[in-house]
Amino acid sequence: MAEKPYAIVRRDAEGRLVLDDPIAVSVGRAVSKHNCRATLLAHAERVRHFETRVRERGLSPKNVVIVVLNVDDIHGGPLAEALMPGHDWQEYRDRGEVPFARGLAVRGGIEDVLGSFDKEAHEKLTQSEKLSVVVVDHGVAEVFPVVPWAHGQEVKERGSE
C-alpha cells in the first residue's frame, strides 16, 4: 500500500481535473505503432513501386527512405507539407478518402524530423542499414524494413527478420 500509484488525478492550471497515467499512455502508443502496420499494408502496392524506383535509380538505403504520411495526422501533415508544398489534399477528403503522401524522401531529413517527435522511430531508422518505410499515422511514426513481401509475405518488423 505504500507504493506510489501509477495513475493520479490532479487539477491543471485552469482548475480542470486531469488524469495522469503513464502506463495508459504507453499502451496507447504501442497500439498506435501497431496500427501503422495496417497503414503500411494498405499502401503496399505504392511501397513496392517506390522500392522498384530505388533499385532502378541505384539509390542507396543510406540516403533514401520510402514515406507513407497521413496528411491529417498531427505529425504527418507538416511533414507532407514540407515534402509536397502547396499540394491540395482536399480533393481526397471530398471523395471520402484519408489523404496520404507517399514517396521517396532524403533519409537524413526524415531522421531529423523523427527525432523531434518519435525517439523510438528515430532510433530504429538510424540503426537500420536496410531500405526502410517510414509510416506516420495515428500520432506516431513506425519504421519497417523493406523485405521481400512483394509476393504476399507478411511485413516484418525490424528484429523479427
N, C-alpha and C. Protein backbone atom coordinates (compact mmCIF):
# COMPACT_ATOMS: atom_id res chain seq x y z
N MET A 1 0.80 -1.20 0.00
CA MET A 1 0.00 0.00 0.00
C MET A 1 0.85 1.26 0.00
N ALA A 2 2.08 1.16 0.40
CA ALA A 2 2.92 2.34 0.47
C ALA A 2 3.47 2.74 -0.89
N GLU A 3 3.26 1.90 -1.91
CA GLU A 3 3.76 2.22 -3.24
C GLU A 3 3.00 3.41 -3.83
N LYS A 4 3.73 4.22 -4.58
CA LYS A 4 3.12 5.36 -5.25
C LYS A 4 2.24 4.85 -6.39
N PRO A 5 1.02 5.38 -6.52
CA PRO A 5 0.14 4.93 -7.61
C PRO A 5 0.70 5.38 -8.96
N TYR A 6 0.45 4.57 -9.99
CA TYR A 6 0.89 4.93 -11.33
C TYR A 6 0.04 6.05 -11.90
N ALA A 7 -1.25 5.99 -11.68
CA ALA A 7 -2.16 7.00 -12.20
C ALA A 7 -2.59 7.92 -11.07
N ILE A 8 -2.65 9.20 -11.39
CA ILE A 8 -3.12 10.16 -10.40
C ILE A 8 -4.09 11.13 -11.06
N VAL A 9 -5.00 11.65 -10.26
CA VAL A 9 -5.91 12.69 -10.71
C VAL A 9 -5.47 13.99 -10.06
N ARG A 10 -5.37 15.03 -10.85
CA ARG A 10 -4.93 16.34 -10.35
C ARG A 10 -5.70 17.43 -11.07
N ARG A 11 -5.56 18.64 -10.61
CA ARG A 11 -6.16 19.79 -11.28
C ARG A 11 -5.08 20.51 -12.08
N ASP A 12 -5.42 20.90 -13.30
CA ASP A 12 -4.47 21.64 -14.12
C ASP A 12 -4.53 23.13 -13.76
N ALA A 13 -3.80 23.94 -14.49
CA ALA A 13 -3.71 25.38 -14.19
C ALA A 13 -5.06 26.08 -14.29
N GLU A 14 -5.97 25.54 -15.12
CA GLU A 14 -7.31 26.13 -15.27
C GLU A 14 -8.32 25.53 -14.31
N GLY A 15 -7.88 24.62 -13.44
CA GLY A 15 -8.77 24.03 -12.45
C GLY A 15 -9.51 22.79 -12.93
N ARG A 16 -9.22 22.32 -14.16
CA ARG A 16 -9.88 21.11 -14.68
C ARG A 16 -9.21 19.86 -14.11
N LEU A 17 -10.03 18.82 -13.89
CA LEU A 17 -9.47 17.55 -13.45
C LEU A 17 -8.74 16.88 -14.61
N VAL A 18 -7.55 16.35 -14.33
CA VAL A 18 -6.71 15.71 -15.33
C VAL A 18 -6.26 14.37 -14.77
N LEU A 19 -6.31 13.34 -15.58
CA LEU A 19 -5.79 12.03 -15.21
C LEU A 19 -4.42 11.87 -15.82
N ASP A 20 -3.41 11.68 -15.01
CA ASP A 20 -2.06 11.39 -15.47
C ASP A 20 -1.83 9.90 -15.28
N ASP A 21 -1.68 9.18 -16.40
CA ASP A 21 -1.49 7.74 -16.34
C ASP A 21 -0.46 7.32 -17.38
N PRO A 22 0.82 7.30 -17.00
CA PRO A 22 1.87 6.99 -17.97
C PRO A 22 1.76 5.58 -18.54
N ILE A 23 1.22 4.65 -17.81
CA ILE A 23 1.06 3.29 -18.33
C ILE A 23 0.02 3.27 -19.45
N ALA A 24 -1.10 3.95 -19.24
CA ALA A 24 -2.13 4.03 -20.28
C ALA A 24 -1.59 4.73 -21.52
N VAL A 25 -0.79 5.76 -21.33
CA VAL A 25 -0.18 6.46 -22.47
C VAL A 25 0.73 5.51 -23.24
N SER A 26 1.52 4.72 -22.53
CA SER A 26 2.42 3.76 -23.18
C SER A 26 1.64 2.70 -23.95
N VAL A 27 0.57 2.21 -23.37
CA VAL A 27 -0.26 1.21 -24.06
C VAL A 27 -0.88 1.82 -25.32
N GLY A 28 -1.40 3.01 -25.20
CA GLY A 28 -1.99 3.68 -26.36
C GLY A 28 -0.98 3.91 -27.47
N ARG A 29 0.22 4.28 -27.09
CA ARG A 29 1.30 4.50 -28.07
C ARG A 29 1.67 3.20 -28.76
N ALA A 30 1.74 2.12 -28.01
CA ALA A 30 2.07 0.81 -28.59
C ALA A 30 0.98 0.38 -29.58
N VAL A 31 -0.28 0.62 -29.24
CA VAL A 31 -1.38 0.28 -30.14
C VAL A 31 -1.29 1.13 -31.42
N SER A 32 -0.99 2.40 -31.27
CA SER A 32 -0.87 3.28 -32.44
C SER A 32 0.26 2.83 -33.35
N LYS A 33 1.39 2.44 -32.77
CA LYS A 33 2.50 1.95 -33.58
C LYS A 33 2.12 0.65 -34.29
N HIS A 34 1.41 -0.21 -33.60
CA HIS A 34 0.95 -1.45 -34.22
C HIS A 34 0.00 -1.14 -35.39
N ASN A 35 -0.86 -0.15 -35.23
CA ASN A 35 -1.80 0.22 -36.28
C ASN A 35 -1.11 0.80 -37.52
N CYS A 36 0.12 1.26 -37.37
CA CYS A 36 0.87 1.72 -38.53
C CYS A 36 1.13 0.57 -39.51
N ARG A 37 1.16 -0.66 -39.02
CA ARG A 37 1.33 -1.82 -39.89
C ARG A 37 0.16 -1.91 -40.86
N ALA A 38 -1.06 -1.69 -40.38
CA ALA A 38 -2.24 -1.72 -41.26
C ALA A 38 -2.13 -0.62 -42.32
N THR A 39 -1.63 0.54 -41.94
CA THR A 39 -1.43 1.62 -42.90
C THR A 39 -0.42 1.19 -43.96
N LEU A 40 0.66 0.58 -43.53
CA LEU A 40 1.66 0.09 -44.47
C LEU A 40 1.05 -0.91 -45.44
N LEU A 41 0.32 -1.86 -44.92
CA LEU A 41 -0.29 -2.88 -45.78
C LEU A 41 -1.28 -2.27 -46.76
N ALA A 42 -2.00 -1.24 -46.35
CA ALA A 42 -2.97 -0.59 -47.23
C ALA A 42 -2.27 0.13 -48.39
N HIS A 43 -1.01 0.45 -48.23
CA HIS A 43 -0.26 1.17 -49.25
C HIS A 43 0.85 0.30 -49.85
N ALA A 44 0.72 -1.02 -49.71
CA ALA A 44 1.77 -1.96 -50.14
C ALA A 44 2.12 -1.82 -51.61
N GLU A 45 1.12 -1.63 -52.44
CA GLU A 45 1.39 -1.52 -53.87
C GLU A 45 2.30 -0.33 -54.18
N ARG A 46 2.02 0.82 -53.57
CA ARG A 46 2.85 2.00 -53.79
C ARG A 46 4.23 1.84 -53.18
N VAL A 47 4.31 1.16 -52.04
CA VAL A 47 5.62 0.91 -51.43
C VAL A 47 6.46 0.05 -52.38
N ARG A 48 5.85 -0.99 -52.96
CA ARG A 48 6.58 -1.82 -53.92
C ARG A 48 7.05 -0.99 -55.12
N HIS A 49 6.18 -0.07 -55.58
CA HIS A 49 6.55 0.82 -56.69
C HIS A 49 7.80 1.63 -56.33
N PHE A 50 7.80 2.21 -55.14
CA PHE A 50 8.95 3.04 -54.76
C PHE A 50 10.19 2.20 -54.48
N GLU A 51 10.01 0.99 -54.00
CA GLU A 51 11.14 0.07 -53.82
C GLU A 51 11.79 -0.19 -55.19
N THR A 52 10.97 -0.41 -56.20
CA THR A 52 11.48 -0.62 -57.56
C THR A 52 12.21 0.62 -58.06
N ARG A 53 11.66 1.79 -57.80
CA ARG A 53 12.31 3.04 -58.23
C ARG A 53 13.68 3.20 -57.59
N VAL A 54 13.79 2.83 -56.32
CA VAL A 54 15.08 2.92 -55.63
C VAL A 54 16.09 2.02 -56.34
N ARG A 55 15.69 0.79 -56.63
CA ARG A 55 16.60 -0.14 -57.33
C ARG A 55 16.96 0.37 -58.72
N GLU A 56 15.96 0.82 -59.48
CA GLU A 56 16.20 1.28 -60.85
C GLU A 56 17.13 2.50 -60.89
N ARG A 57 17.00 3.36 -59.94
CA ARG A 57 17.83 4.57 -59.90
C ARG A 57 19.19 4.33 -59.25
N GLY A 58 19.37 3.15 -58.65
CA GLY A 58 20.63 2.85 -57.97
C GLY A 58 20.83 3.68 -56.72
N LEU A 59 19.72 4.05 -56.06
CA LEU A 59 19.82 4.85 -54.84
C LEU A 59 20.24 3.98 -53.66
N SER A 60 20.91 4.59 -52.72
CA SER A 60 21.40 3.87 -51.55
C SER A 60 20.42 4.01 -50.38
N PRO A 61 20.14 2.89 -49.68
CA PRO A 61 19.30 2.96 -48.47
C PRO A 61 19.89 3.88 -47.40
N LYS A 62 21.17 4.21 -47.53
CA LYS A 62 21.79 5.15 -46.58
C LYS A 62 21.30 6.58 -46.82
N ASN A 63 20.75 6.81 -48.04
CA ASN A 63 20.39 8.18 -48.40
C ASN A 63 18.90 8.41 -48.63
N VAL A 64 18.11 7.34 -48.73
CA VAL A 64 16.71 7.49 -49.11
C VAL A 64 15.82 6.58 -48.27
N VAL A 65 14.59 7.02 -48.04
CA VAL A 65 13.57 6.19 -47.39
C VAL A 65 12.28 6.34 -48.18
N ILE A 66 11.40 5.39 -47.99
CA ILE A 66 10.05 5.47 -48.53
C ILE A 66 9.18 5.99 -47.40
N VAL A 67 8.33 6.97 -47.69
CA VAL A 67 7.44 7.51 -46.66
C VAL A 67 5.98 7.28 -47.04
N VAL A 68 5.19 7.02 -46.01
CA VAL A 68 3.73 6.95 -46.12
C VAL A 68 3.21 7.83 -44.98
N LEU A 69 2.65 8.99 -45.34
CA LEU A 69 2.31 10.01 -44.35
C LEU A 69 0.82 10.32 -44.40
N ASN A 70 0.14 10.15 -43.28
CA ASN A 70 -1.25 10.58 -43.19
C ASN A 70 -1.24 12.11 -43.09
N VAL A 71 -1.76 12.74 -44.11
CA VAL A 71 -1.74 14.21 -44.19
C VAL A 71 -2.57 14.84 -43.07
N ASP A 72 -3.57 14.13 -42.56
CA ASP A 72 -4.41 14.65 -41.49
C ASP A 72 -3.86 14.33 -40.09
N ASP A 73 -2.72 13.67 -40.03
CA ASP A 73 -2.08 13.35 -38.76
C ASP A 73 -1.33 14.59 -38.24
N ILE A 74 -1.26 14.73 -36.93
CA ILE A 74 -0.61 15.90 -36.32
C ILE A 74 0.85 16.04 -36.76
N HIS A 75 1.53 14.92 -37.00
CA HIS A 75 2.93 14.95 -37.44
C HIS A 75 3.05 14.75 -38.94
N GLY A 76 2.19 13.93 -39.51
CA GLY A 76 2.25 13.65 -40.93
C GLY A 76 1.92 14.85 -41.79
N GLY A 77 0.97 15.68 -41.34
CA GLY A 77 0.58 16.86 -42.11
C GLY A 77 1.72 17.84 -42.36
N PRO A 78 2.39 18.28 -41.31
CA PRO A 78 3.51 19.22 -41.53
C PRO A 78 4.64 18.60 -42.36
N LEU A 79 4.87 17.31 -42.17
CA LEU A 79 5.93 16.65 -42.94
C LEU A 79 5.53 16.55 -44.41
N ALA A 80 4.27 16.21 -44.68
CA ALA A 80 3.79 16.16 -46.06
C ALA A 80 3.87 17.54 -46.70
N GLU A 81 3.53 18.58 -45.96
CA GLU A 81 3.60 19.94 -46.50
C GLU A 81 5.05 20.32 -46.83
N ALA A 82 5.99 19.88 -45.99
CA ALA A 82 7.40 20.17 -46.26
C ALA A 82 7.89 19.43 -47.51
N LEU A 83 7.40 18.21 -47.70
CA LEU A 83 7.84 17.41 -48.85
C LEU A 83 7.08 17.74 -50.13
N MET A 84 5.83 18.17 -50.00
CA MET A 84 4.99 18.47 -51.16
C MET A 84 4.28 19.80 -50.93
N PRO A 85 5.02 20.89 -50.86
CA PRO A 85 4.41 22.18 -50.51
C PRO A 85 3.30 22.58 -51.48
N GLY A 86 2.20 23.03 -50.88
CA GLY A 86 1.09 23.55 -51.66
C GLY A 86 0.19 22.52 -52.31
N HIS A 87 0.46 21.23 -52.11
CA HIS A 87 -0.40 20.21 -52.72
C HIS A 87 -1.80 20.31 -52.11
N ASP A 88 -2.83 20.22 -52.95
CA ASP A 88 -4.22 20.32 -52.49
C ASP A 88 -4.73 18.93 -52.10
N TRP A 89 -4.84 18.69 -50.82
CA TRP A 89 -5.29 17.38 -50.32
C TRP A 89 -6.80 17.32 -50.19
N GLN A 90 -7.47 18.45 -50.35
CA GLN A 90 -8.91 18.49 -50.12
C GLN A 90 -9.67 17.59 -51.09
N GLU A 91 -9.19 17.44 -52.31
CA GLU A 91 -9.89 16.61 -53.28
C GLU A 91 -10.01 15.16 -52.79
N TYR A 92 -9.02 14.68 -52.05
CA TYR A 92 -9.09 13.33 -51.49
C TYR A 92 -10.15 13.25 -50.40
N ARG A 93 -10.16 14.27 -49.54
CA ARG A 93 -11.16 14.33 -48.48
C ARG A 93 -12.57 14.40 -49.07
N ASP A 94 -12.72 15.17 -50.14
CA ASP A 94 -14.02 15.31 -50.80
C ASP A 94 -14.53 13.99 -51.35
N ARG A 95 -13.62 13.09 -51.69
CA ARG A 95 -14.01 11.76 -52.17
C ARG A 95 -14.20 10.78 -51.02
N GLY A 96 -14.07 11.27 -49.79
CA GLY A 96 -14.23 10.41 -48.62
C GLY A 96 -12.99 9.62 -48.28
N GLU A 97 -11.86 10.00 -48.83
CA GLU A 97 -10.60 9.30 -48.57
C GLU A 97 -9.77 10.05 -47.54
N VAL A 98 -8.94 9.32 -46.84
CA VAL A 98 -7.94 9.94 -45.97
C VAL A 98 -6.73 10.23 -46.87
N PRO A 99 -6.27 11.47 -46.93
CA PRO A 99 -5.15 11.78 -47.81
C PRO A 99 -3.82 11.29 -47.24
N PHE A 100 -3.06 10.63 -48.09
CA PHE A 100 -1.73 10.14 -47.74
C PHE A 100 -0.72 10.63 -48.76
N ALA A 101 0.41 11.11 -48.25
CA ALA A 101 1.54 11.45 -49.11
C ALA A 101 2.45 10.22 -49.10
N ARG A 102 2.83 9.77 -50.29
CA ARG A 102 3.68 8.58 -50.41
C ARG A 102 4.78 8.89 -51.39
N GLY A 103 5.98 8.46 -51.07
CA GLY A 103 7.07 8.72 -51.99
C GLY A 103 8.42 8.46 -51.39
N LEU A 104 9.43 8.95 -52.08
CA LEU A 104 10.81 8.83 -51.62
C LEU A 104 11.22 10.14 -50.96
N ALA A 105 12.03 10.03 -49.92
CA ALA A 105 12.50 11.22 -49.22
C ALA A 105 13.95 11.03 -48.80
N VAL A 106 14.62 12.14 -48.58
CA VAL A 106 16.01 12.10 -48.12
C VAL A 106 16.03 11.57 -46.69
N ARG A 107 16.78 10.51 -46.50
CA ARG A 107 16.79 9.82 -45.21
C ARG A 107 17.21 10.73 -44.05
N GLY A 108 18.25 11.51 -44.24
CA GLY A 108 18.73 12.39 -43.16
C GLY A 108 17.68 13.36 -42.67
N GLY A 109 16.93 13.93 -43.60
CA GLY A 109 15.86 14.86 -43.22
C GLY A 109 14.76 14.17 -42.44
N ILE A 110 14.40 12.97 -42.87
CA ILE A 110 13.36 12.21 -42.16
C ILE A 110 13.86 11.81 -40.78
N GLU A 111 15.12 11.41 -40.68
CA GLU A 111 15.68 11.08 -39.37
C GLU A 111 15.58 12.28 -38.43
N ASP A 112 15.92 13.46 -38.93
CA ASP A 112 15.85 14.68 -38.11
C ASP A 112 14.43 14.94 -37.63
N VAL A 113 13.47 14.82 -38.53
CA VAL A 113 12.07 15.08 -38.16
C VAL A 113 11.61 14.06 -37.13
N LEU A 114 11.93 12.79 -37.34
CA LEU A 114 11.52 11.76 -36.37
C LEU A 114 12.10 12.05 -34.99
N GLY A 115 13.33 12.54 -34.96
CA GLY A 115 13.96 12.86 -33.68
C GLY A 115 13.21 13.92 -32.91
N SER A 116 12.40 14.72 -33.60
CA SER A 116 11.67 15.79 -32.92
C SER A 116 10.36 15.33 -32.31
N PHE A 117 9.82 14.15 -32.73
CA PHE A 117 8.54 13.74 -32.15
C PHE A 117 8.41 12.26 -31.82
N ASP A 118 9.33 11.41 -32.30
CA ASP A 118 9.22 9.98 -32.00
C ASP A 118 10.61 9.38 -31.90
N LYS A 119 11.13 9.39 -30.69
CA LYS A 119 12.50 8.93 -30.45
C LYS A 119 12.69 7.45 -30.81
N GLU A 120 11.66 6.63 -30.57
CA GLU A 120 11.78 5.19 -30.89
C GLU A 120 11.93 4.98 -32.39
N ALA A 121 11.10 5.65 -33.17
CA ALA A 121 11.19 5.52 -34.62
C ALA A 121 12.51 6.09 -35.12
N HIS A 122 12.93 7.20 -34.55
CA HIS A 122 14.21 7.80 -34.92
C HIS A 122 15.35 6.80 -34.71
N GLU A 123 15.34 6.16 -33.55
CA GLU A 123 16.40 5.19 -33.25
C GLU A 123 16.34 3.99 -34.20
N LYS A 124 15.15 3.48 -34.48
CA LYS A 124 15.02 2.37 -35.42
C LYS A 124 15.59 2.72 -36.78
N LEU A 125 15.25 3.92 -37.26
CA LEU A 125 15.71 4.31 -38.59
C LEU A 125 17.22 4.53 -38.62
N THR A 126 17.75 5.19 -37.62
CA THR A 126 19.19 5.46 -37.63
C THR A 126 20.01 4.19 -37.47
N GLN A 127 19.45 3.16 -36.85
CA GLN A 127 20.18 1.90 -36.66
C GLN A 127 20.03 0.94 -37.82
N SER A 128 19.07 1.18 -38.70
CA SER A 128 18.82 0.27 -39.82
C SER A 128 19.73 0.61 -40.99
N GLU A 129 20.25 -0.42 -41.62
CA GLU A 129 21.05 -0.22 -42.82
C GLU A 129 20.26 -0.60 -44.07
N LYS A 130 19.03 -1.08 -43.87
CA LYS A 130 18.19 -1.50 -44.98
C LYS A 130 17.35 -0.35 -45.49
N LEU A 131 16.84 -0.53 -46.71
CA LEU A 131 15.83 0.40 -47.20
C LEU A 131 14.64 0.30 -46.27
N SER A 132 14.15 1.44 -45.81
CA SER A 132 13.08 1.45 -44.81
C SER A 132 11.88 2.23 -45.31
N VAL A 133 10.73 1.84 -44.75
CA VAL A 133 9.48 2.57 -44.96
C VAL A 133 9.16 3.26 -43.64
N VAL A 134 8.94 4.56 -43.69
CA VAL A 134 8.55 5.32 -42.52
C VAL A 134 7.07 5.65 -42.66
N VAL A 135 6.27 5.14 -41.73
CA VAL A 135 4.84 5.40 -41.72
C VAL A 135 4.56 6.38 -40.60
N VAL A 136 3.88 7.49 -40.92
CA VAL A 136 3.47 8.45 -39.91
C VAL A 136 1.94 8.49 -39.94
N ASP A 137 1.35 7.98 -38.87
CA ASP A 137 -0.11 7.87 -38.77
C ASP A 137 -0.45 7.64 -37.30
N HIS A 138 -1.65 7.88 -36.90
CA HIS A 138 -2.13 7.62 -35.53
C HIS A 138 -1.34 8.40 -34.48
N GLY A 139 -0.73 9.53 -34.87
CA GLY A 139 0.01 10.36 -33.93
C GLY A 139 1.42 9.88 -33.62
N VAL A 140 1.88 8.83 -34.32
CA VAL A 140 3.22 8.27 -34.09
C VAL A 140 3.87 7.98 -35.44
N ALA A 141 5.11 7.55 -35.38
CA ALA A 141 5.82 7.06 -36.56
C ALA A 141 6.26 5.63 -36.26
N GLU A 142 6.32 4.82 -37.31
CA GLU A 142 6.89 3.48 -37.19
C GLU A 142 7.74 3.23 -38.42
N VAL A 143 8.79 2.48 -38.22
CA VAL A 143 9.76 2.20 -39.28
C VAL A 143 9.74 0.71 -39.57
N PHE A 144 9.62 0.39 -40.85
CA PHE A 144 9.60 -1.00 -41.30
C PHE A 144 10.70 -1.20 -42.34
N PRO A 145 11.50 -2.24 -42.20
CA PRO A 145 12.47 -2.51 -43.25
C PRO A 145 11.75 -3.05 -44.47
N VAL A 146 12.23 -2.70 -45.65
CA VAL A 146 11.67 -3.27 -46.86
C VAL A 146 12.23 -4.68 -46.98
N VAL A 147 11.34 -5.64 -46.92
CA VAL A 147 11.72 -7.05 -47.01
C VAL A 147 10.98 -7.63 -48.22
N PRO A 148 11.34 -8.82 -48.64
CA PRO A 148 10.69 -9.37 -49.84
C PRO A 148 9.25 -9.80 -49.56
N TRP A 149 8.39 -8.81 -49.31
CA TRP A 149 6.98 -9.10 -49.04
C TRP A 149 6.13 -8.76 -50.25
N ALA A 150 6.78 -8.45 -51.37
CA ALA A 150 6.04 -8.11 -52.57
C ALA A 150 5.24 -9.29 -53.11
N HIS A 151 5.57 -10.46 -52.67
CA HIS A 151 4.88 -11.65 -53.17
C HIS A 151 3.97 -12.25 -52.12
N GLY A 152 3.38 -11.38 -51.28
CA GLY A 152 2.38 -11.84 -50.33
C GLY A 152 2.92 -12.21 -48.96
N GLN A 153 4.23 -12.10 -48.76
CA GLN A 153 4.77 -12.41 -47.45
C GLN A 153 4.38 -11.31 -46.48
N GLU A 154 4.27 -11.67 -45.22
CA GLU A 154 3.89 -10.69 -44.20
C GLU A 154 4.99 -9.66 -44.01
N VAL A 155 4.58 -8.43 -43.73
CA VAL A 155 5.53 -7.37 -43.42
C VAL A 155 6.13 -7.67 -42.05
N LYS A 156 7.44 -7.67 -41.99
CA LYS A 156 8.12 -7.97 -40.73
C LYS A 156 8.63 -6.69 -40.10
N GLU A 157 8.63 -6.68 -38.79
CA GLU A 157 9.20 -5.56 -38.09
C GLU A 157 10.70 -5.82 -37.93
N ARG A 158 11.44 -4.75 -37.76
CA ARG A 158 12.87 -4.88 -37.52
C ARG A 158 13.07 -5.73 -36.27
N GLY A 159 13.95 -6.68 -36.37
CA GLY A 159 14.22 -7.55 -35.23
C GLY A 159 13.49 -8.88 -35.34
N SER A 160 12.50 -8.98 -36.22
CA SER A 160 11.82 -10.26 -36.35
C SER A 160 12.16 -10.92 -37.68
N GLU A 161 13.23 -10.44 -38.29
CA GLU A 161 13.64 -10.97 -39.60
C GLU A 161 14.35 -12.30 -39.44
